[in-house]
Amino acid sequence: MSLQEQFDQAVADSKNLPERPDNMTLLKIYALYKQGSAGDATGERPGMTDFVNRAKYDAWAALKGTSQDDAKQQYVDLIEELKG
């Protein structure tokens, strides 16, 4: 299976995890997904009153410089770990 196929499978698997991950893990999943699919964070950072989207953006921005392939592999590994 190619890395892209593994990534696509992990995205599907992420919707059927045995239990809901904690918020920090959810942010990591989101950030790795965005970095793997879109590359470095783009757009403006959400305002201070938009807590959820600001946290998501910050988590994604923290991965700046990580290659899309590296992010995809980390995403696949994390979802495999969470599947148990």
PDB file of N, CA and C in Angstrom:
ATOM      1  N   MET A   1       0.839  -1.187   0.000  1.00  0.00           N
ATOM      2  CA  MET A   1       0.000   0.000   0.000  1.00  0.00           C
ATOM      3  C   MET A   1       0.882   1.248   0.000  1.00  0.00           C
ATOM      4  N   SER A   2       0.539   2.210  -0.811  1.00  0.00           N
ATOM      5  CA  SER A   2       1.300   3.457  -0.834  1.00  0.00           C
ATOM      6  C   SER A   2       1.000   4.266   0.428  1.00  0.00           C
ATOM      7  N   LEU A   3       1.842   5.240   0.690  1.00  0.00           N
ATOM      8  CA  LEU A   3       1.633   6.097   1.850  1.00  0.00           C
ATOM      9  C   LEU A   3       0.292   6.813   1.743  1.00  0.00           C
ATOM     10  N   GLN A   4      -0.062   7.275   0.538  1.00  0.00           N
ATOM     11  CA  GLN A   4      -1.348   7.967   0.357  1.00  0.00           C
ATOM     12  C   GLN A   4      -2.512   7.025   0.662  1.00  0.00           C
ATOM     13  N   GLU A   5      -2.410   5.766   0.231  1.00  0.00           N
ATOM     14  CA  GLU A   5      -3.469   4.797   0.515  1.00  0.00           C
ATOM     15  C   GLU A   5      -3.563   4.510   2.016  1.00  0.00           C
ATOM     16  N   GLN A   6      -2.400   4.402   2.676  1.00  0.00           N
ATOM     17  CA  GLN A   6      -2.396   4.191   4.128  1.00  0.00           C
ATOM     18  C   GLN A   6      -3.017   5.390   4.842  1.00  0.00           C
ATOM     19  N   PHE A   7      -2.692   6.596   4.364  1.00  0.00           N
ATOM     20  CA  PHE A   7      -3.232   7.831   4.931  1.00  0.00           C
ATOM     21  C   PHE A   7      -4.751   7.864   4.767  1.00  0.00           C
ATOM     22  N   ASP A   8      -5.225   7.566   3.559  1.00  0.00           N
ATOM     23  CA  ASP A   8      -6.674   7.550   3.295  1.00  0.00           C
ATOM     24  C   ASP A   8      -7.380   6.529   4.185  1.00  0.00           C
ATOM     25  N   GLN A   9      -6.761   5.358   4.377  1.00  0.00           N
ATOM     26  CA  GLN A   9      -7.345   4.331   5.243  1.00  0.00           C
ATOM     27  C   GLN A   9      -7.368   4.805   6.686  1.00  0.00           C
ATOM     28  N   ALA A  10      -6.302   5.469   7.130  1.00  0.00           N
ATOM     29  CA  ALA A  10      -6.235   5.979   8.501  1.00  0.00           C
ATOM     30  C   ALA A  10      -7.301   7.048   8.733  1.00  0.00           C
ATOM     31  N   VAL A  11      -7.559   7.879   7.716  1.00  0.00           N
ATOM     32  CA  VAL A  11      -8.617   8.895   7.827  1.00  0.00           C
ATOM     33  C   VAL A  11      -9.957   8.194   8.040  1.00  0.00           C
ATOM     34  N   ALA A  12     -10.219   7.152   7.273  1.00  0.00           N
ATOM     35  CA  ALA A  12     -11.462   6.393   7.437  1.00  0.00           C
ATOM     36  C   ALA A  12     -11.507   5.734   8.814  1.00  0.00           C
ATOM     37  N   ASP A  13     -10.390   5.143   9.236  1.00  0.00           N
ATOM     38  CA  ASP A  13     -10.328   4.472  10.533  1.00  0.00           C
ATOM     39  C   ASP A  13     -10.513   5.452  11.693  1.00  0.00           C
ATOM     40  N   SER A  14     -10.085   6.694  11.508  1.00  0.00           N
ATOM     41  CA  SER A  14     -10.171   7.684  12.587  1.00  0.00           C
ATOM     42  C   SER A  14     -11.615   7.968  12.982  1.00  0.00           C
ATOM     43  N   LYS A  15     -12.543   7.687  12.085  1.00  0.00           N
ATOM     44  CA  LYS A  15     -13.960   7.919  12.366  1.00  0.00           C
ATOM     45  C   LYS A  15     -14.589   6.781  13.165  1.00  0.00           C
ATOM     46  N   ASN A  16     -13.845   5.675  13.331  1.00  0.00           N
ATOM     47  CA  ASN A  16     -14.375   4.497  14.014  1.00  0.00           C
ATOM     48  C   ASN A  16     -13.455   3.999  15.126  1.00  0.00           C
ATOM     49  N   LEU A  17     -12.826   4.920  15.826  1.00  0.00           N
ATOM     50  CA  LEU A  17     -11.942   4.520  16.926  1.00  0.00           C
ATOM     51  C   LEU A  17     -12.768   3.933  18.066  1.00  0.00           C
ATOM     52  N   PRO A  18     -12.185   2.984  18.825  1.00  0.00           N
ATOM     53  CA  PRO A  18     -12.942   2.345  19.906  1.00  0.00           C
ATOM     54  C   PRO A  18     -13.390   3.325  20.999  1.00  0.00           C
ATOM     55  N   GLU A  19     -12.586   4.375  21.243  1.00  0.00           N
ATOM     56  CA  GLU A  19     -13.011   5.392  22.203  1.00  0.00           C
ATOM     57  C   GLU A  19     -12.533   6.751  21.728  1.00  0.00           C
ATOM     58  N   ARG A  20     -13.241   7.796  22.169  1.00  0.00           N
ATOM     59  CA  ARG A  20     -12.915   9.153  21.737  1.00  0.00           C
ATOM     60  C   ARG A  20     -11.606   9.586  22.395  1.00  0.00           C
ATOM     61  N   PRO A  21     -10.622  10.032  21.584  1.00  0.00           N
ATOM     62  CA  PRO A  21      -9.365  10.501  22.159  1.00  0.00           C
ATOM     63  C   PRO A  21      -9.571  11.788  22.972  1.00  0.00           C
ATOM     64  N   ASP A  22      -8.614  12.074  23.857  1.00  0.00           N
ATOM     65  CA  ASP A  22      -8.697  13.319  24.619  1.00  0.00           C
ATOM     66  C   ASP A  22      -8.458  14.514  23.678  1.00  0.00           C
ATOM     67  N   ASN A  23      -8.744  15.697  24.175  1.00  0.00           N
ATOM     68  CA  ASN A  23      -8.675  16.891  23.329  1.00  0.00           C
ATOM     69  C   ASN A  23      -7.282  17.139  22.757  1.00  0.00           C
ATOM     70  N   MET A  24      -6.236  16.904  23.520  1.00  0.00           N
ATOM     71  CA  MET A  24      -4.881  17.120  23.006  1.00  0.00           C
ATOM     72  C   MET A  24      -4.569  16.152  21.863  1.00  0.00           C
ATOM     73  N   THR A  25      -5.039  14.920  21.989  1.00  0.00           N
ATOM     74  CA  THR A  25      -4.823  13.940  20.920  1.00  0.00           C
ATOM     75  C   THR A  25      -5.647  14.316  19.698  1.00  0.00           C
ATOM     76  N   LEU A  26      -6.867  14.798  19.924  1.00  0.00           N
ATOM     77  CA  LEU A  26      -7.702  15.242  18.799  1.00  0.00           C
ATOM     78  C   LEU A  26      -7.025  16.394  18.049  1.00  0.00           C
ATOM     79  N   LEU A  27      -6.413  17.310  18.780  1.00  0.00           N
ATOM     80  CA  LEU A  27      -5.691  18.416  18.136  1.00  0.00           C
ATOM     81  C   LEU A  27      -4.521  17.888  17.314  1.00  0.00           C
ATOM     82  N   LYS A  28      -3.822  16.898  17.852  1.00  0.00           N
ATOM     83  CA  LYS A  28      -2.687  16.313  17.131  1.00  0.00           C
ATOM     84  C   LYS A  28      -3.175  15.628  15.855  1.00  0.00           C
ATOM     85  N   ILE A  29      -4.282  14.896  15.951  1.00  0.00           N
ATOM     86  CA  ILE A  29      -4.860  14.234  14.772  1.00  0.00           C
ATOM     87  C   ILE A  29      -5.209  15.274  13.717  1.00  0.00           C
ATOM     88  N   TYR A  30      -5.893  16.340  14.149  1.00  0.00           N
ATOM     89  CA  TYR A  30      -6.296  17.409  13.226  1.00  0.00           C
ATOM     90  C   TYR A  30      -5.069  18.032  12.560  1.00  0.00           C
ATOM     91  N   ALA A  31      -4.069  18.393  13.379  1.00  0.00           N
ATOM     92  CA  ALA A  31      -2.886  19.071  12.856  1.00  0.00           C
ATOM     93  C   ALA A  31      -2.130  18.191  11.858  1.00  0.00           C
ATOM     94  N   LEU A  32      -1.952  16.918  12.193  1.00  0.00           N
ATOM     95  CA  LEU A  32      -1.254  16.011  11.275  1.00  0.00           C
ATOM     96  C   LEU A  32      -2.049  15.817   9.985  1.00  0.00           C
ATOM     97  N   TYR A  33      -3.381  15.753  10.092  1.00  0.00           N
ATOM     98  CA  TYR A  33      -4.214  15.617   8.903  1.00  0.00           C
ATOM     99  C   TYR A  33      -4.042  16.834   7.997  1.00  0.00           C
ATOM    100  N   LYS A  34      -4.141  18.026   8.601  1.00  0.00           N
ATOM    101  CA  LYS A  34      -4.024  19.258   7.808  1.00  0.00           C
ATOM    102  C   LYS A  34      -2.638  19.385   7.184  1.00  0.00           C
ATOM    103  N   GLN A  35      -1.590  19.088   7.954  1.00  0.00           N
ATOM    104  CA  GLN A  35      -0.223  19.189   7.439  1.00  0.00           C
ATOM    105  C   GLN A  35      -0.014  18.163   6.330  1.00  0.00           C
ATOM    106  N   GLY A  36      -0.549  16.958   6.520  1.00  0.00           N
ATOM    107  CA  GLY A  36      -0.388  15.908   5.527  1.00  0.00           C
ATOM    108  C   GLY A  36      -1.165  16.164   4.249  1.00  0.00           C
ATOM    109  N   SER A  37      -2.314  16.808   4.365  1.00  0.00           N
ATOM    110  CA  SER A  37      -3.141  17.019   3.182  1.00  0.00           C
ATOM    111  C   SER A  37      -2.948  18.384   2.538  1.00  0.00           C
ATOM    112  N   ALA A  38      -2.571  19.415   3.325  1.00  0.00           N
ATOM    113  CA  ALA A  38      -2.489  20.770   2.768  1.00  0.00           C
ATOM    114  C   ALA A  38      -1.116  21.422   2.919  1.00  0.00           C
ATOM    115  N   GLY A  39      -0.216  20.842   3.715  1.00  0.00           N
ATOM    116  CA  GLY A  39       1.084  21.473   3.936  1.00  0.00           C
ATOM    117  C   GLY A  39       1.020  22.477   5.070  1.00  0.00           C
ATOM    118  N   ASP A  40       1.954  23.418   5.080  1.00  0.00           N
ATOM    119  CA  ASP A  40       2.047  24.394   6.160  1.00  0.00           C
ATOM    120  C   ASP A  40       0.767  25.207   6.311  1.00  0.00           C
ATOM    121  N   ALA A  41       0.503  25.627   7.552  1.00  0.00           N
ATOM    122  CA  ALA A  41      -0.697  26.406   7.874  1.00  0.00           C
ATOM    123  C   ALA A  41      -0.769  27.667   7.018  1.00  0.00           C
ATOM    124  N   THR A  42      -1.976  27.959   6.574  1.00  0.00           N
ATOM    125  CA  THR A  42      -2.214  29.154   5.769  1.00  0.00           C
ATOM    126  C   THR A  42      -3.385  29.925   6.363  1.00  0.00           C
ATOM    127  N   GLY A  43      -3.569  31.135   5.893  1.00  0.00           N
ATOM    128  CA  GLY A  43      -4.682  31.944   6.368  1.00  0.00           C
ATOM    129  C   GLY A  43      -4.337  32.653   7.658  1.00  0.00           C
ATOM    130  N   GLU A  44      -5.289  33.424   8.145  1.00  0.00           N
ATOM    131  CA  GLU A  44      -5.067  34.190   9.362  1.00  0.00           C
ATOM    132  C   GLU A  44      -5.421  33.372  10.590  1.00  0.00           C
ATOM    133  N   ARG A  45      -4.704  33.636  11.659  1.00  0.00           N
ATOM    134  CA  ARG A  45      -4.980  32.969  12.935  1.00  0.00           C
ATOM    135  C   ARG A  45      -6.313  33.485  13.455  1.00  0.00           C
ATOM    136  N   PRO A  46      -7.231  32.589  13.854  1.00  0.00           N
ATOM    137  CA  PRO A  46      -8.526  33.029  14.379  1.00  0.00           C
ATOM    138  C   PRO A  46      -8.362  33.911  15.625  1.00  0.00           C
ATOM    139  N   GLY A  47      -9.345  34.763  15.853  1.00  0.00           N
ATOM    140  CA  GLY A  47      -9.306  35.705  16.967  1.00  0.00           C
ATOM    141  C   GLY A  47      -9.367  35.029  18.328  1.00  0.00           C
ATOM    142  N   MET A  48      -9.085  35.809  19.359  1.00  0.00           N
ATOM    143  CA  MET A  48      -9.008  35.281  20.725  1.00  0.00           C
ATOM    144  C   MET A  48     -10.329  34.690  21.228  1.00  0.00           C
ATOM    145  N   THR A  49     -11.447  35.139  20.711  1.00  0.00           N
ATOM    146  CA  THR A  49     -12.728  34.627  21.196  1.00  0.00           C
ATOM    147  C   THR A  49     -13.128  33.315  20.524  1.00  0.00           C
ATOM    148  N   ASP A  50     -12.420  32.935  19.478  1.00  0.00           N
ATOM    149  CA  ASP A  50     -12.707  31.688  18.762  1.00  0.00           C
ATOM    150  C   ASP A  50     -11.737  30.609  19.258  1.00  0.00           C
ATOM    151  N   PHE A  51     -11.951  30.178  20.509  1.00  0.00           N
ATOM    152  CA  PHE A  51     -11.004  29.288  21.191  1.00  0.00           C
ATOM    153  C   PHE A  51     -10.712  28.004  20.431  1.00  0.00           C
ATOM    154  N   VAL A  52     -11.750  27.332  19.956  1.00  0.00           N
ATOM    155  CA  VAL A  52     -11.572  26.023  19.317  1.00  0.00           C
ATOM    156  C   VAL A  52     -10.759  26.148  18.034  1.00  0.00           C
ATOM    157  N   ASN A  53     -11.180  27.041  17.151  1.00  0.00           N
ATOM    158  CA  ASN A  53     -10.472  27.176  15.877  1.00  0.00           C
ATOM    159  C   ASN A  53      -9.067  27.750  16.060  1.00  0.00           C
ATOM    160  N   ARG A  54      -8.892  28.582  17.079  1.00  0.00           N
ATOM    161  CA  ARG A  54      -7.561  29.118  17.365  1.00  0.00           C
ATOM    162  C   ARG A  54      -6.631  27.986  17.818  1.00  0.00           C
ATOM    163  N   ALA A  55      -7.116  27.105  18.680  1.00  0.00           N
ATOM    164  CA  ALA A  55      -6.309  25.967  19.139  1.00  0.00           C
ATOM    165  C   ALA A  55      -5.973  25.047  17.970  1.00  0.00           C
ATOM    166  N   LYS A  56      -6.937  24.804  17.084  1.00  0.00           N
ATOM    167  CA  LYS A  56      -6.695  23.955  15.926  1.00  0.00           C
ATOM    168  C   LYS A  56      -5.638  24.578  15.013  1.00  0.00           C
ATOM    169  N   TYR A  57      -5.777  25.879  14.765  1.00  0.00           N
ATOM    170  CA  TYR A  57      -4.817  26.574  13.904  1.00  0.00           C
ATOM    171  C   TYR A  57      -3.418  26.522  14.520  1.00  0.00           C
ATOM    172  N   ASP A  58      -3.325  26.784  15.829  1.00  0.00           N
ATOM    173  CA  ASP A  58      -2.024  26.782  16.504  1.00  0.00           C
ATOM    174  C   ASP A  58      -1.366  25.403  16.448  1.00  0.00           C
ATOM    175  N   ALA A  59      -2.165  24.350  16.618  1.00  0.00           N
ATOM    176  CA  ALA A  59      -1.631  22.989  16.541  1.00  0.00           C
ATOM    177  C   ALA A  59      -1.090  22.701  15.144  1.00  0.00           C
ATOM    178  N   TRP A  60      -1.812  23.159  14.127  1.00  0.00           N
ATOM    179  CA  TRP A  60      -1.383  22.967  12.740  1.00  0.00           C
ATOM    180  C   TRP A  60      -0.120  23.788  12.469  1.00  0.00           C
ATOM    181  N   ALA A  61      -0.128  25.053  12.901  1.00  0.00           N
ATOM    182  CA  ALA A  61       1.012  25.944  12.658  1.00  0.00           C
ATOM    183  C   ALA A  61       2.282  25.425  13.336  1.00  0.00           C
ATOM    184  N   ALA A  62       2.127  24.703  14.440  1.00  0.00           N
ATOM    185  CA  ALA A  62       3.285  24.164  15.158  1.00  0.00           C
ATOM    186  C   ALA A  62       4.034  23.116  14.327  1.00  0.00           C
ATOM    187  N   LEU A  63       3.392  22.572  13.320  1.00  0.00           N
ATOM    188  CA  LEU A  63       4.016  21.556  12.464  1.00  0.00           C
ATOM    189  C   LEU A  63       4.703  22.161  11.240  1.00  0.00           C
ATOM    190  N   LYS A  64       4.767  23.496  11.175  1.00  0.00           N
ATOM    191  CA  LYS A  64       5.362  24.169  10.016  1.00  0.00           C
ATOM    192  C   LYS A  64       6.736  23.579   9.711  1.00  0.00           C
ATOM    193  N   GLY A  65       6.960  23.288   8.450  1.00  0.00           N
ATOM    194  CA  GLY A  65       8.242  22.734   8.025  1.00  0.00           C
ATOM    195  C   GLY A  65       8.260  21.213   7.964  1.00  0.00           C
ATOM    196  N   THR A  66       7.251  20.572   8.568  1.00  0.00           N
ATOM    197  CA  THR A  66       7.144  19.109   8.488  1.00  0.00           C
ATOM    198  C   THR A  66       6.668  18.762   7.078  1.00  0.00           C
ATOM    199  N   SER A  67       7.340  17.832   6.416  1.00  0.00           N
ATOM    200  CA  SER A  67       6.931  17.468   5.061  1.00  0.00           C
ATOM    201  C   SER A  67       5.557  16.791   5.108  1.00  0.00           C
ATOM    202  N   GLN A  68       4.849  16.883   4.004  1.00  0.00           N
ATOM    203  CA  GLN A  68       3.526  16.258   3.943  1.00  0.00           C
ATOM    204  C   GLN A  68       3.640  14.747   4.139  1.00  0.00           C
ATOM    205  N   ASP A  69       4.667  14.130   3.578  1.00  0.00           N
ATOM    206  CA  ASP A  69       4.838  12.686   3.741  1.00  0.00           C
ATOM    207  C   ASP A  69       5.121  12.321   5.192  1.00  0.00           C
ATOM    208  N   ASP A  70       5.955  13.119   5.868  1.00  0.00           N
ATOM    209  CA  ASP A  70       6.230  12.861   7.288  1.00  0.00           C
ATOM    210  C   ASP A  70       4.951  12.979   8.113  1.00  0.00           C
ATOM    211  N   ALA A  71       4.166  14.007   7.829  1.00  0.00           N
ATOM    212  CA  ALA A  71       2.919  14.214   8.566  1.00  0.00           C
ATOM    213  C   ALA A  71       1.944  13.063   8.302  1.00  0.00           C
ATOM    214  N   LYS A  72       1.877  12.609   7.062  1.00  0.00           N
ATOM    215  CA  LYS A  72       0.996  11.484   6.734  1.00  0.00           C
ATOM    216  C   LYS A  72       1.411  10.233   7.498  1.00  0.00           C
ATOM    217  N   GLN A  73       2.729   9.968   7.546  1.00  0.00           N
ATOM    218  CA  GLN A  73       3.217   8.781   8.248  1.00  0.00           C
ATOM    219  C   GLN A  73       2.917   8.876   9.744  1.00  0.00           C
ATOM    220  N   GLN A  74       3.130  10.061  10.328  1.00  0.00           N
ATOM    221  CA  GLN A  74       2.831  10.251  11.750  1.00  0.00           C
ATOM    222  C   GLN A  74       1.337  10.070  12.017  1.00  0.00           C
ATOM    223  N   TYR A  75       0.512  10.549  11.099  1.00  0.00           N
ATOM    224  CA  TYR A  75      -0.945  10.403  11.225  1.00  0.00           C
ATOM    225  C   TYR A  75      -1.321   8.922  11.206  1.00  0.00           C
ATOM    226  N   VAL A  76      -0.794   8.194  10.234  1.00  0.00           N
ATOM    227  CA  VAL A  76      -1.072   6.752  10.114  1.00  0.00           C
ATOM    228  C   VAL A  76      -0.648   6.041  11.395  1.00  0.00           C
ATOM    229  N   ASP A  77       0.553   6.349  11.888  1.00  0.00           N
ATOM    230  CA  ASP A  77       1.067   5.703  13.101  1.00  0.00           C
ATOM    231  C   ASP A  77       0.189   6.013  14.311  1.00  0.00           C
ATOM    232  N   LEU A  78      -0.246   7.270  14.432  1.00  0.00           N
ATOM    233  CA  LEU A  78      -1.069   7.671  15.575  1.00  0.00           C
ATOM    234  C   LEU A  78      -2.426   6.964  15.539  1.00  0.00           C
ATOM    235  N   ILE A  79      -3.063   6.912  14.388  1.00  0.00           N
ATOM    236  CA  ILE A  79      -4.362   6.247  14.280  1.00  0.00           C
ATOM    237  C   ILE A  79      -4.219   4.751  14.560  1.00  0.00           C
ATOM    238  N   GLU A  80      -3.155   4.128  14.070  1.00  0.00           N
ATOM    239  CA  GLU A  80      -2.920   2.706  14.362  1.00  0.00           C
ATOM    240  C   GLU A  80      -2.785   2.488  15.863  1.00  0.00           C
ATOM    241  N   GLU A  81      -2.059   3.379  16.524  1.00  0.00           N
ATOM    242  CA  GLU A  81      -1.874   3.286  17.978  1.00  0.00           C
ATOM    243  C   GLU A  81      -3.222   3.424  18.711  1.00  0.00           C
ATOM    244  N   LEU A  82      -4.055   4.343  18.244  1.00  0.00           N
ATOM    245  CA  LEU A  82      -5.344   4.581  18.906  1.00  0.00           C
ATOM    246  C   LEU A  82      -6.350   3.462  18.647  1.00  0.00           C
ATOM    247  N   LYS A  83      -6.165   2.746  17.545  1.00  0.00           N
ATOM    248  CA  LYS A  83      -7.064   1.624  17.245  1.00  0.00           C
ATOM    249  C   LYS A  83      -6.866   0.480  18.229  1.00  0.00           C
ATOM    250  N   GLY A  84      -5.684   0.464  18.833  1.00  0.00           N
ATOM    251  CA  GLY A  84      -5.404  -0.562  19.849  1.00  0.00           C
ATOM    252  C   GLY A  84      -4.967  -1.800  19.279  1.00  0.00           C
TER     253      GLY A  84
END
